[in-house]
PDB file of N, CA and C in Angstrom:
ATOM      1  N   MET A   1      31.367  19.553  34.556  1.00  0.00           N
ATOM      2  CA  MET A   1      31.079  20.023  33.215  1.00  0.00           C
ATOM      3  C   MET A   1      32.237  19.711  32.274  1.00  0.00           C
ATOM      4  N   ILE A   2      33.447  19.943  32.710  1.00  0.00           N
ATOM      5  CA  ILE A   2      34.621  19.684  31.885  1.00  0.00           C
ATOM      6  C   ILE A   2      34.735  18.191  31.574  1.00  0.00           C
ATOM      7  N   THR A   3      34.463  17.346  32.576  1.00  0.00           N
ATOM      8  CA  THR A   3      34.570  15.903  32.345  1.00  0.00           C
ATOM      9  C   THR A   3      33.507  15.421  31.358  1.00  0.00           C
ATOM     10  N   GLU A   4      32.328  16.029  31.431  1.00  0.00           N
ATOM     11  CA  GLU A   4      31.279  15.648  30.476  1.00  0.00           C
ATOM     12  C   GLU A   4      31.651  16.052  29.054  1.00  0.00           C
ATOM     13  N   LEU A   5      32.205  17.226  28.869  1.00  0.00           N
ATOM     14  CA  LEU A   5      32.658  17.656  27.549  1.00  0.00           C
ATOM     15  C   LEU A   5      33.782  16.767  27.026  1.00  0.00           C
ATOM     16  N   LYS A   6      34.698  16.408  27.904  1.00  0.00           N
ATOM     17  CA  LYS A   6      35.802  15.539  27.515  1.00  0.00           C
ATOM     18  C   LYS A   6      35.259  14.177  27.080  1.00  0.00           C
ATOM     19  N   ARG A   7      34.325  13.648  27.851  1.00  0.00           N
ATOM     20  CA  ARG A   7      33.724  12.362  27.517  1.00  0.00           C
ATOM     21  C   ARG A   7      32.955  12.465  26.189  1.00  0.00           C
ATOM     22  N   PHE A   8      32.268  13.556  25.959  1.00  0.00           N
ATOM     23  CA  PHE A   8      31.525  13.771  24.726  1.00  0.00           C
ATOM     24  C   PHE A   8      32.447  13.759  23.507  1.00  0.00           C
ATOM     25  N   PHE A   9      33.596  14.453  23.610  1.00  0.00           N
ATOM     26  CA  PHE A   9      34.512  14.526  22.478  1.00  0.00           C
ATOM     27  C   PHE A   9      35.284  13.228  22.261  1.00  0.00           C
ATOM     28  N   GLU A  10      35.430  12.416  23.301  1.00  0.00           N
ATOM     29  CA  GLU A  10      36.126  11.146  23.171  1.00  0.00           C
ATOM     30  C   GLU A  10      35.204  10.021  22.712  1.00  0.00           C
ATOM     31  N   ASP A  11      33.911  10.217  22.830  1.00  0.00           N
ATOM     32  CA  ASP A  11      32.947   9.188  22.441  1.00  0.00           C
ATOM     33  C   ASP A  11      32.892   9.097  20.914  1.00  0.00           C
ATOM     34  N   GLU A  12      33.118   7.882  20.380  1.00  0.00           N
ATOM     35  CA  GLU A  12      33.149   7.706  18.934  1.00  0.00           C
ATOM     36  C   GLU A  12      31.906   7.013  18.384  1.00  0.00           C
ATOM     37  N   THR A  13      30.923   6.766  19.203  1.00  0.00           N
ATOM     38  CA  THR A  13      29.733   6.074  18.718  1.00  0.00           C
ATOM     39  C   THR A  13      28.863   6.971  17.847  1.00  0.00           C
ATOM     40  N   GLY A  14      28.842   8.253  18.112  1.00  0.00           N
ATOM     41  CA  GLY A  14      28.047   9.181  17.301  1.00  0.00           C
ATOM     42  C   GLY A  14      28.507   9.248  15.862  1.00  0.00           C
ATOM     43  N   PRO A  15      29.800   9.526  15.623  1.00  0.00           N
ATOM     44  CA  PRO A  15      30.276   9.571  14.232  1.00  0.00           C
ATOM     45  C   PRO A  15      30.116   8.227  13.512  1.00  0.00           C
ATOM     46  N   GLU A  16      30.288   7.132  14.241  1.00  0.00           N
ATOM     47  CA  GLU A  16      30.108   5.816  13.624  1.00  0.00           C
ATOM     48  C   GLU A  16      28.656   5.619  13.190  1.00  0.00           C
ATOM     49  N   LEU A  17      27.740   6.071  14.002  1.00  0.00           N
ATOM     50  CA  LEU A  17      26.324   5.976  13.659  1.00  0.00           C
ATOM     51  C   LEU A  17      26.011   6.817  12.423  1.00  0.00           C
ATOM     52  N   VAL A  18      26.599   7.995  12.362  1.00  0.00           N
ATOM     53  CA  VAL A  18      26.391   8.866  11.199  1.00  0.00           C
ATOM     54  C   VAL A  18      26.961   8.215   9.944  1.00  0.00           C
ATOM     55  N   GLU A  19      28.132   7.580  10.064  1.00  0.00           N
ATOM     56  CA  GLU A  19      28.727   6.900   8.912  1.00  0.00           C
ATOM     57  C   GLU A  19      27.802   5.803   8.394  1.00  0.00           C
ATOM     58  N   TRP A  20      27.262   5.009   9.306  1.00  0.00           N
ATOM     59  CA  TRP A  20      26.360   3.926   8.904  1.00  0.00           C
ATOM     60  C   TRP A  20      25.087   4.489   8.271  1.00  0.00           C
ATOM     61  N   ALA A  21      24.600   5.587   8.794  1.00  0.00           N
ATOM     62  CA  ALA A  21      23.403   6.211   8.225  1.00  0.00           C
ATOM     63  C   ALA A  21      23.681   6.701   6.807  1.00  0.00           C
ATOM     64  N   VAL A  22      24.828   7.302   6.595  1.00  0.00           N
ATOM     65  CA  VAL A  22      25.190   7.795   5.261  1.00  0.00           C
ATOM     66  C   VAL A  22      25.342   6.631   4.289  1.00  0.00           C
ATOM     67  N   VAL A  23      26.006   5.566   4.716  1.00  0.00           N
ATOM     68  CA  VAL A  23      26.177   4.388   3.866  1.00  0.00           C
ATOM     69  C   VAL A  23      24.814   3.800   3.500  1.00  0.00           C
ATOM     70  N   THR A  24      23.911   3.727   4.466  1.00  0.00           N
ATOM     71  CA  THR A  24      22.581   3.181   4.215  1.00  0.00           C
ATOM     72  C   THR A  24      21.832   4.028   3.195  1.00  0.00           C
ATOM     73  N   VAL A  25      21.881   5.328   3.350  1.00  0.00           N
ATOM     74  CA  VAL A  25      21.200   6.225   2.409  1.00  0.00           C
ATOM     75  C   VAL A  25      21.783   6.092   1.004  1.00  0.00           C
ATOM     76  N   VAL A  26      23.101   6.008   0.909  1.00  0.00           N
ATOM     77  CA  VAL A  26      23.745   5.862  -0.399  1.00  0.00           C
ATOM     78  C   VAL A  26      23.321   4.547  -1.054  1.00  0.00           C
ATOM     79  N   LEU A  27      23.287   3.470  -0.279  1.00  0.00           N
ATOM     80  CA  LEU A  27      22.864   2.181  -0.831  1.00  0.00           C
ATOM     81  C   LEU A  27      21.413   2.195  -1.280  1.00  0.00           C
ATOM     82  N   ILE A  28      20.555   2.844  -0.511  1.00  0.00           N
ATOM     83  CA  ILE A  28      19.140   2.941  -0.892  1.00  0.00           C
ATOM     84  C   ILE A  28      18.994   3.740  -2.186  1.00  0.00           C
ATOM     85  N   LEU A  29      19.686   4.855  -2.282  1.00  0.00           N
ATOM     86  CA  LEU A  29      19.613   5.678  -3.491  1.00  0.00           C
ATOM     87  C   LEU A  29      20.180   4.945  -4.705  1.00  0.00           C
ATOM     88  N   ALA A  30      21.278   4.206  -4.522  1.00  0.00           N
ATOM     89  CA  ALA A  30      21.864   3.451  -5.628  1.00  0.00           C
ATOM     90  C   ALA A  30      20.916   2.349  -6.079  1.00  0.00           C
ATOM     91  N   THR A  31      20.294   1.663  -5.136  1.00  0.00           N
ATOM     92  CA  THR A  31      19.333   0.619  -5.480  1.00  0.00           C
ATOM     93  C   THR A  31      18.160   1.199  -6.245  1.00  0.00           C
ATOM     94  N   PHE A  32      17.644   2.313  -5.789  1.00  0.00           N
ATOM     95  CA  PHE A  32      16.532   2.975  -6.460  1.00  0.00           C
ATOM     96  C   PHE A  32      16.927   3.377  -7.883  1.00  0.00           C
ATOM     97  N   ALA A  33      18.118   3.925  -8.045  1.00  0.00           N
ATOM     98  CA  ALA A  33      18.573   4.354  -9.369  1.00  0.00           C
ATOM     99  C   ALA A  33      18.714   3.166 -10.312  1.00  0.00           C
ATOM    100  N   VAL A  34      19.281   2.075  -9.829  1.00  0.00           N
ATOM    101  CA  VAL A  34      19.444   0.886 -10.674  1.00  0.00           C
ATOM    102  C   VAL A  34      18.085   0.329 -11.066  1.00  0.00           C
ATOM    103  N   LEU A  35      17.161   0.269 -10.119  1.00  0.00           N
ATOM    104  CA  LEU A  35      15.831  -0.238 -10.437  1.00  0.00           C
ATOM    105  C   LEU A  35      15.108   0.659 -11.439  1.00  0.00           C
ATOM    106  N   GLN A  36      15.329   1.949 -11.356  1.00  0.00           N
ATOM    107  CA  GLN A  36      14.737   2.867 -12.327  1.00  0.00           C
ATOM    108  C   GLN A  36      15.324   2.630 -13.719  1.00  0.00           C
ATOM    109  N   LEU A  37      16.617   2.349 -13.778  1.00  0.00           N
ATOM    110  CA  LEU A  37      17.268   2.141 -15.069  1.00  0.00           C
ATOM    111  C   LEU A  37      16.841   0.834 -15.735  1.00  0.00           C
ATOM    112  N   ILE A  38      16.666  -0.215 -14.948  1.00  0.00           N
ATOM    113  CA  ILE A  38      16.352  -1.518 -15.536  1.00  0.00           C
ATOM    114  C   ILE A  38      14.887  -1.898 -15.366  1.00  0.00           C
ATOM    115  N   GLY A  39      14.100  -1.023 -14.800  1.00  0.00           N
ATOM    116  CA  GLY A  39      12.696  -1.327 -14.532  1.00  0.00           C
ATOM    117  C   GLY A  39      11.902  -1.662 -15.768  1.00  0.00           C
ATOM    118  N   GLY A  40      12.089  -0.928 -16.831  1.00  0.00           N
ATOM    119  CA  GLY A  40      11.359  -1.182 -18.072  1.00  0.00           C
ATOM    120  C   GLY A  40      11.691  -2.553 -18.643  1.00  0.00           C
ATOM    121  N   GLU A  41      12.954  -2.895 -18.605  1.00  0.00           N
ATOM    122  CA  GLU A  41      13.372  -4.206 -19.114  1.00  0.00           C
ATOM    123  C   GLU A  41      12.818  -5.329 -18.244  1.00  0.00           C
ATOM    124  N   LEU A  42      12.816  -5.140 -16.938  1.00  0.00           N
ATOM    125  CA  LEU A  42      12.246  -6.156 -16.048  1.00  0.00           C
ATOM    126  C   LEU A  42      10.751  -6.341 -16.306  1.00  0.00           C
ATOM    127  N   THR A  43      10.056  -5.251 -16.555  1.00  0.00           N
ATOM    128  CA  THR A  43       8.629  -5.331 -16.862  1.00  0.00           C
ATOM    129  C   THR A  43       8.406  -6.080 -18.167  1.00  0.00           C
ATOM    130  N   ARG A  44       9.221  -5.806 -19.165  1.00  0.00           N
ATOM    131  CA  ARG A  44       9.113  -6.487 -20.450  1.00  0.00           C
ATOM    132  C   ARG A  44       9.335  -7.988 -20.291  1.00  0.00           C
ATOM    133  N   ILE A  45      10.359  -8.373 -19.545  1.00  0.00           N
ATOM    134  CA  ILE A  45      10.650  -9.790 -19.321  1.00  0.00           C
ATOM    135  C   ILE A  45       9.505 -10.460 -18.556  1.00  0.00           C
ATOM    136  N   TYR A  46       9.024  -9.790 -17.528  1.00  0.00           N
ATOM    137  CA  TYR A  46       7.911 -10.342 -16.740  1.00  0.00           C
ATOM    138  C   TYR A  46       6.685 -10.569 -17.631  1.00  0.00           C
ATOM    139  N   ASN A  47       6.348  -9.593 -18.457  1.00  0.00           N
ATOM    140  CA  ASN A  47       5.188  -9.723 -19.341  1.00  0.00           C
ATOM    141  C   ASN A  47       5.379 -10.845 -20.355  1.00  0.00           C
ATOM    142  N   LYS A  48       6.594 -11.013 -20.873  1.00  0.00           N
ATOM    143  CA  LYS A  48       6.869 -12.094 -21.822  1.00  0.00           C
ATOM    144  C   LYS A  48       6.679 -13.453 -21.136  1.00  0.00           C
ATOM    145  N   ILE A  49       7.177 -13.593 -19.923  1.00  0.00           N
ATOM    146  CA  ILE A  49       7.011 -14.838 -19.168  1.00  0.00           C
ATOM    147  C   ILE A  49       5.524 -15.082 -18.911  1.00  0.00           C
ATOM    148  N   LEU A  50       4.807 -14.049 -18.528  1.00  0.00           N
ATOM    149  CA  LEU A  50       3.376 -14.184 -18.271  1.00  0.00           C
ATOM    150  C   LEU A  50       2.620 -14.610 -19.522  1.00  0.00           C
ATOM    151  N   GLU A  51       2.938 -13.987 -20.668  1.00  0.00           N
ATOM    152  CA  GLU A  51       2.281 -14.364 -21.922  1.00  0.00           C
ATOM    153  C   GLU A  51       2.573 -15.827 -22.271  1.00  0.00           C
ATOM    154  N   THR A  52       3.797 -16.263 -22.061  1.00  0.00           N
ATOM    155  CA  THR A  52       4.173 -17.638 -22.360  1.00  0.00           C
ATOM    156  C   THR A  52       3.407 -18.610 -21.467  1.00  0.00           C
ATOM    157  N   LEU A  53       3.315 -18.311 -20.196  1.00  0.00           N
ATOM    158  CA  LEU A  53       2.594 -19.182 -19.270  1.00  0.00           C
ATOM    159  C   LEU A  53       1.095 -19.239 -19.598  1.00  0.00           C
ATOM    160  N   VAL A  54       0.550 -18.098 -19.966  1.00  0.00           N
ATOM    161  CA  VAL A  54      -0.868 -18.058 -20.326  1.00  0.00           C
ATOM    162  C   VAL A  54      -1.115 -18.876 -21.595  1.00  0.00           C
ATOM    163  N   SER A  55      -0.221 -18.748 -22.571  1.00  0.00           N
ATOM    164  CA  SER A  55      -0.398 -19.504 -23.819  1.00  0.00           C
ATOM    165  C   SER A  55      -0.227 -21.008 -23.602  1.00  0.00           C
ATOM    166  N   ILE A  56       0.586 -21.403 -22.666  1.00  0.00           N
ATOM    167  CA  ILE A  56       0.750 -22.827 -22.349  1.00  0.00           C
ATOM    168  C   ILE A  56      -0.521 -23.362 -21.710  1.00  0.00           C
ATOM    169  N   GLY A  57      -1.155 -22.556 -20.882  1.00  0.00           N
ATOM    170  CA  GLY A  57      -2.341 -22.966 -20.171  1.00  0.00           C
ATOM    171  C   GLY A  57      -3.585 -23.103 -21.045  1.00  0.00           C
ATOM    172  N   THR A  58      -3.578 -22.475 -22.191  1.00  0.00           N
ATOM    173  CA  THR A  58      -4.785 -22.527 -23.023  1.00  0.00           C
ATOM    174  C   THR A  58      -4.653 -23.510 -24.169  1.00  0.00           C
TER     175      THR A  58
END
């Protein structure tokens, strides 16, 4: 039992996994926030490009 506890406290893979999980969540949230901030502008640009392409085709 003592050796298992010692091995558990010396094992560093758990905290490393938690760090990567936290970094991933932060990156996902930051990406979502940026897309929310610039989403309207991206939609406007997309619609302008679409209108231009449609007008060229007719």
